[in-house]
């Protein structure tokens, strides 16, 4: 399961509306790259047949199986304060994370 905080869900809704993609779910993924070996990605995308479909805070989320395995139990928050980094993923499966908060191993 992947969970969104209320702040993350509000930001995602605003971004969906701004991009006129309210009908597309949020795709959360893990791909090779970044400072630590893997990096997180998010986009609005049509679901594929092999995707797992999730829902948190009223937001539809789609993930491929490998990404879900890396991120099982993760929490996605959004910080827009003075030192805010934007979306922050707290992943209990990450052995370490980069200072940027966007990559892990």
N, C-alpha and C. Protein backbone atom coordinates (compact mmCIF):
# COMPACT_ATOMS: atom_id res chain seq x y z
N UNK A 1 0.83 -1.18 0.00
CA UNK A 1 0.00 0.00 0.00
C UNK A 1 0.89 1.25 0.00
N UNK A 2 0.49 2.23 -0.74
CA UNK A 2 1.13 3.55 -0.77
C UNK A 2 0.11 4.53 -0.21
N UNK A 3 0.53 5.39 0.69
CA UNK A 3 -0.40 6.37 1.24
C UNK A 3 0.07 7.78 0.93
N UNK A 4 -0.90 8.65 0.72
CA UNK A 4 -0.65 10.08 0.52
C UNK A 4 -1.11 10.82 1.76
N UNK A 5 -0.41 11.88 2.11
CA UNK A 5 -0.91 12.76 3.16
C UNK A 5 -1.95 13.67 2.54
N UNK A 6 -2.71 14.33 3.37
CA UNK A 6 -3.72 15.28 2.88
C UNK A 6 -3.06 16.40 2.07
N UNK A 7 -1.88 16.85 2.51
CA UNK A 7 -1.17 17.91 1.76
C UNK A 7 -0.76 17.44 0.38
N UNK A 8 -0.27 16.21 0.27
CA UNK A 8 0.13 15.66 -1.03
C UNK A 8 -1.08 15.52 -1.93
N UNK A 9 -2.18 15.01 -1.40
CA UNK A 9 -3.39 14.83 -2.20
C UNK A 9 -3.91 16.17 -2.71
N UNK A 10 -3.89 17.19 -1.87
CA UNK A 10 -4.35 18.52 -2.30
C UNK A 10 -3.48 19.06 -3.43
N UNK A 11 -2.17 18.87 -3.32
CA UNK A 11 -1.26 19.34 -4.37
C UNK A 11 -1.49 18.56 -5.66
N UNK A 12 -1.70 17.27 -5.57
CA UNK A 12 -1.94 16.46 -6.76
C UNK A 12 -3.23 16.89 -7.44
N UNK A 13 -4.28 17.12 -6.67
CA UNK A 13 -5.55 17.59 -7.25
C UNK A 13 -5.35 18.92 -7.98
N UNK A 14 -4.61 19.83 -7.37
CA UNK A 14 -4.36 21.13 -7.99
C UNK A 14 -3.58 20.96 -9.29
N UNK A 15 -2.60 20.06 -9.30
CA UNK A 15 -1.80 19.82 -10.51
C UNK A 15 -2.63 19.15 -11.60
N UNK A 16 -3.51 18.23 -11.22
CA UNK A 16 -4.39 17.59 -12.20
C UNK A 16 -5.29 18.63 -12.85
N UNK A 17 -5.84 19.51 -12.04
CA UNK A 17 -6.74 20.54 -12.56
C UNK A 17 -5.98 21.49 -13.48
N UNK A 18 -4.81 21.94 -13.05
CA UNK A 18 -4.01 22.87 -13.84
C UNK A 18 -3.63 22.27 -15.20
N UNK A 19 -3.34 20.98 -15.23
CA UNK A 19 -2.94 20.30 -16.47
C UNK A 19 -4.14 19.73 -17.23
N UNK A 20 -5.35 19.93 -16.70
CA UNK A 20 -6.58 19.41 -17.32
C UNK A 20 -6.52 17.89 -17.53
N UNK A 21 -6.06 17.19 -16.49
CA UNK A 21 -5.97 15.72 -16.55
C UNK A 21 -6.66 15.09 -15.33
N UNK A 22 -7.77 15.67 -14.93
CA UNK A 22 -8.48 15.16 -13.76
C UNK A 22 -8.91 13.70 -13.93
N UNK A 23 -9.02 13.23 -15.17
CA UNK A 23 -9.46 11.87 -15.44
C UNK A 23 -8.31 10.86 -15.42
N UNK A 24 -7.07 11.32 -15.31
CA UNK A 24 -5.92 10.41 -15.32
C UNK A 24 -5.40 10.20 -13.90
N UNK A 25 -5.08 8.95 -13.55
CA UNK A 25 -4.53 8.69 -12.23
C UNK A 25 -3.07 9.12 -12.13
N UNK A 26 -2.59 9.16 -10.92
CA UNK A 26 -1.19 9.46 -10.64
C UNK A 26 -0.39 8.17 -10.81
N UNK A 27 0.61 8.21 -11.66
CA UNK A 27 1.53 7.08 -11.78
C UNK A 27 2.74 7.37 -10.89
N UNK A 28 3.04 6.44 -10.00
CA UNK A 28 4.22 6.53 -9.14
C UNK A 28 5.13 5.39 -9.57
N UNK A 29 6.42 5.72 -9.80
CA UNK A 29 7.31 4.70 -10.32
C UNK A 29 8.71 4.84 -9.76
N UNK A 30 9.45 3.77 -9.90
CA UNK A 30 10.87 3.72 -9.54
C UNK A 30 11.61 3.37 -10.81
N UNK A 31 12.69 4.11 -11.08
CA UNK A 31 13.51 3.83 -12.25
C UNK A 31 14.98 3.94 -11.88
N UNK A 32 15.82 3.33 -12.68
CA UNK A 32 17.26 3.41 -12.45
C UNK A 32 17.73 4.84 -12.66
N UNK A 33 18.69 5.26 -11.82
CA UNK A 33 19.25 6.59 -11.97
C UNK A 33 19.34 7.30 -10.64
N UNK A 34 19.60 8.58 -10.71
CA UNK A 34 19.72 9.37 -9.50
C UNK A 34 21.07 9.17 -8.83
N UNK A 35 21.27 9.84 -7.72
CA UNK A 35 22.53 9.81 -6.99
C UNK A 35 22.79 8.48 -6.30
N UNK A 36 21.74 7.74 -5.96
CA UNK A 36 21.89 6.54 -5.13
C UNK A 36 21.53 5.24 -5.83
N UNK A 37 21.26 5.26 -7.11
CA UNK A 37 20.97 4.02 -7.83
C UNK A 37 19.56 3.94 -8.39
N UNK A 38 18.57 4.40 -7.63
CA UNK A 38 17.19 4.42 -8.08
C UNK A 38 16.62 5.81 -7.81
N UNK A 39 15.63 6.19 -8.63
CA UNK A 39 14.96 7.46 -8.38
C UNK A 39 13.46 7.29 -8.54
N UNK A 40 12.74 8.16 -7.85
CA UNK A 40 11.29 8.14 -7.90
C UNK A 40 10.83 9.00 -9.07
N UNK A 41 9.67 8.64 -9.60
CA UNK A 41 9.05 9.45 -10.63
C UNK A 41 7.54 9.48 -10.41
N UNK A 42 6.92 10.55 -10.87
CA UNK A 42 5.47 10.68 -10.79
C UNK A 42 4.99 11.39 -12.05
N UNK A 43 3.86 10.95 -12.56
CA UNK A 43 3.25 11.59 -13.72
C UNK A 43 1.76 11.25 -13.71
N UNK A 44 1.02 11.91 -14.58
CA UNK A 44 -0.38 11.56 -14.77
C UNK A 44 -0.43 10.72 -16.03
N UNK A 45 -0.99 9.51 -15.92
CA UNK A 45 -0.88 8.55 -17.01
C UNK A 45 -2.08 7.61 -17.01
N UNK A 46 -2.46 7.16 -18.18
CA UNK A 46 -3.53 6.17 -18.29
C UNK A 46 -3.04 4.84 -17.73
N UNK A 47 -3.89 4.12 -17.03
CA UNK A 47 -3.48 2.83 -16.48
C UNK A 47 -3.24 1.81 -17.58
N UNK A 48 -2.30 0.91 -17.33
CA UNK A 48 -2.01 -0.21 -18.23
C UNK A 48 -2.60 -1.47 -17.61
N UNK A 49 -2.83 -2.47 -18.44
CA UNK A 49 -3.49 -3.70 -17.98
C UNK A 49 -2.74 -4.35 -16.82
N UNK A 50 -1.42 -4.29 -16.82
CA UNK A 50 -0.62 -4.96 -15.79
C UNK A 50 -0.42 -4.12 -14.52
N UNK A 51 -0.90 -2.90 -14.50
CA UNK A 51 -0.73 -2.02 -13.34
C UNK A 51 -1.55 -2.47 -12.14
N UNK A 52 -1.04 -2.16 -10.97
CA UNK A 52 -1.81 -2.28 -9.74
C UNK A 52 -2.47 -0.93 -9.51
N UNK A 53 -3.73 -0.96 -9.18
CA UNK A 53 -4.48 0.28 -8.94
C UNK A 53 -4.70 0.44 -7.44
N UNK A 54 -4.35 1.61 -6.94
CA UNK A 54 -4.48 1.93 -5.52
C UNK A 54 -5.28 3.22 -5.39
N UNK A 55 -5.69 3.53 -4.17
CA UNK A 55 -6.37 4.79 -3.90
C UNK A 55 -5.96 5.25 -2.51
N UNK A 56 -5.66 6.53 -2.39
CA UNK A 56 -5.34 7.12 -1.10
C UNK A 56 -5.81 8.56 -1.09
N UNK A 57 -6.49 8.95 -0.05
CA UNK A 57 -7.00 10.33 0.10
C UNK A 57 -7.82 10.75 -1.12
N UNK A 58 -8.52 9.78 -1.74
CA UNK A 58 -9.36 10.07 -2.89
C UNK A 58 -8.61 10.19 -4.21
N UNK A 59 -7.31 9.96 -4.21
CA UNK A 59 -6.49 10.03 -5.42
C UNK A 59 -6.26 8.61 -5.94
N UNK A 60 -6.53 8.41 -7.22
CA UNK A 60 -6.26 7.14 -7.87
C UNK A 60 -4.77 7.07 -8.22
N UNK A 61 -4.14 5.95 -7.87
CA UNK A 61 -2.70 5.75 -8.11
C UNK A 61 -2.54 4.47 -8.90
N UNK A 62 -1.64 4.49 -9.90
CA UNK A 62 -1.29 3.28 -10.63
C UNK A 62 0.21 3.05 -10.52
N UNK A 63 0.59 1.78 -10.41
CA UNK A 63 2.01 1.41 -10.28
C UNK A 63 2.26 0.09 -10.99
N UNK A 64 3.44 -0.02 -11.59
CA UNK A 64 3.85 -1.32 -12.12
C UNK A 64 4.35 -2.17 -10.96
N UNK A 65 4.40 -3.47 -11.17
CA UNK A 65 4.77 -4.41 -10.09
C UNK A 65 6.16 -4.16 -9.51
N UNK A 66 7.21 -3.93 -10.34
CA UNK A 66 8.53 -3.69 -9.74
C UNK A 66 8.56 -2.43 -8.87
N UNK A 67 7.90 -1.36 -9.32
CA UNK A 67 7.88 -0.13 -8.53
C UNK A 67 7.17 -0.33 -7.21
N UNK A 68 6.05 -1.04 -7.25
CA UNK A 68 5.30 -1.31 -6.03
C UNK A 68 6.13 -2.12 -5.05
N UNK A 69 6.90 -3.09 -5.55
CA UNK A 69 7.74 -3.90 -4.67
C UNK A 69 8.78 -3.04 -3.96
N UNK A 70 9.38 -2.07 -4.66
CA UNK A 70 10.37 -1.18 -4.04
C UNK A 70 9.74 -0.21 -3.06
N UNK A 71 8.46 0.14 -3.29
CA UNK A 71 7.84 1.22 -2.51
C UNK A 71 6.76 0.77 -1.54
N UNK A 72 6.55 -0.53 -1.39
CA UNK A 72 5.49 -1.03 -0.51
C UNK A 72 5.61 -0.40 0.87
N UNK A 73 4.52 0.19 1.36
CA UNK A 73 4.50 0.80 2.68
C UNK A 73 4.97 2.25 2.70
N UNK A 74 5.22 2.83 1.54
CA UNK A 74 5.72 4.22 1.48
C UNK A 74 4.61 5.24 1.73
N UNK A 75 5.04 6.39 2.17
CA UNK A 75 4.14 7.52 2.44
C UNK A 75 4.65 8.70 1.63
N UNK A 76 3.75 9.37 0.90
CA UNK A 76 4.12 10.52 0.08
C UNK A 76 3.50 11.77 0.71
N UNK A 77 4.36 12.73 1.00
CA UNK A 77 3.94 14.00 1.59
C UNK A 77 4.32 15.13 0.63
N UNK A 78 3.82 16.32 0.92
CA UNK A 78 4.19 17.49 0.14
C UNK A 78 4.53 18.61 1.11
N UNK A 79 5.70 19.20 0.93
CA UNK A 79 6.15 20.29 1.80
C UNK A 79 6.41 21.52 0.94
N UNK A 80 5.66 22.57 1.19
CA UNK A 80 5.83 23.80 0.42
C UNK A 80 6.31 24.96 1.29
N UNK A 81 6.89 24.64 2.44
CA UNK A 81 7.41 25.67 3.34
C UNK A 81 8.68 26.33 2.80
N UNK A 82 9.29 27.18 3.59
CA UNK A 82 10.49 27.90 3.16
C UNK A 82 11.61 26.98 2.72
N UNK A 83 11.79 25.88 3.41
CA UNK A 83 12.82 24.91 3.04
C UNK A 83 12.22 23.68 2.36
N UNK A 84 10.97 23.79 1.93
CA UNK A 84 10.26 22.66 1.35
C UNK A 84 10.93 22.13 0.09
N UNK A 85 10.86 20.82 -0.07
CA UNK A 85 11.45 20.16 -1.22
C UNK A 85 10.39 19.73 -2.23
N UNK A 86 9.13 20.05 -2.00
CA UNK A 86 8.08 19.54 -2.87
C UNK A 86 7.60 18.21 -2.32
N UNK A 87 7.43 17.23 -3.21
CA UNK A 87 7.00 15.91 -2.77
C UNK A 87 8.14 15.19 -2.07
N UNK A 88 7.82 14.59 -0.95
CA UNK A 88 8.79 13.84 -0.16
C UNK A 88 8.26 12.43 0.03
N UNK A 89 9.08 11.45 -0.31
CA UNK A 89 8.68 10.04 -0.18
C UNK A 89 9.43 9.42 0.98
N UNK A 90 8.67 8.91 1.92
CA UNK A 90 9.24 8.19 3.06
C UNK A 90 9.06 6.71 2.78
N UNK A 91 10.16 6.07 2.40
CA UNK A 91 10.14 4.69 1.94
C UNK A 91 10.83 3.79 2.98
N UNK A 92 10.07 2.92 3.65
CA UNK A 92 10.68 2.05 4.66
C UNK A 92 11.61 1.00 4.07
N UNK A 93 11.60 0.82 2.76
CA UNK A 93 12.43 -0.19 2.10
C UNK A 93 13.78 0.37 1.65
N UNK A 94 13.95 1.67 1.70
CA UNK A 94 15.20 2.29 1.24
C UNK A 94 16.29 2.09 2.30
N UNK A 95 17.43 1.59 1.86
CA UNK A 95 18.56 1.43 2.78
C UNK A 95 19.21 2.77 3.07
N UNK A 96 19.26 3.63 2.07
CA UNK A 96 19.76 4.99 2.25
C UNK A 96 19.13 5.87 1.18
N UNK A 97 19.13 7.17 1.44
CA UNK A 97 18.58 8.12 0.48
C UNK A 97 19.60 9.22 0.21
N UNK A 98 19.44 9.86 -0.91
CA UNK A 98 20.31 10.97 -1.29
C UNK A 98 19.82 12.24 -0.58
N UNK A 99 20.68 13.20 -0.45
CA UNK A 99 20.31 14.47 0.17
C UNK A 99 19.19 15.19 -0.55
N UNK A 100 19.05 14.93 -1.85
CA UNK A 100 17.99 15.59 -2.62
C UNK A 100 16.62 15.01 -2.31
N UNK A 101 16.58 13.81 -1.74
CA UNK A 101 15.31 13.18 -1.39
C UNK A 101 14.60 12.52 -2.57
N UNK A 102 15.22 12.53 -3.74
CA UNK A 102 14.58 11.97 -4.92
C UNK A 102 15.16 10.63 -5.33
N UNK A 103 16.26 10.21 -4.70
CA UNK A 103 16.85 8.92 -5.07
C UNK A 103 17.19 8.11 -3.83
N UNK A 104 17.34 6.80 -4.03
CA UNK A 104 17.56 5.88 -2.90
C UNK A 104 18.24 4.63 -3.39
N UNK A 105 18.66 3.79 -2.45
CA UNK A 105 19.12 2.43 -2.78
C UNK A 105 18.64 1.48 -1.72
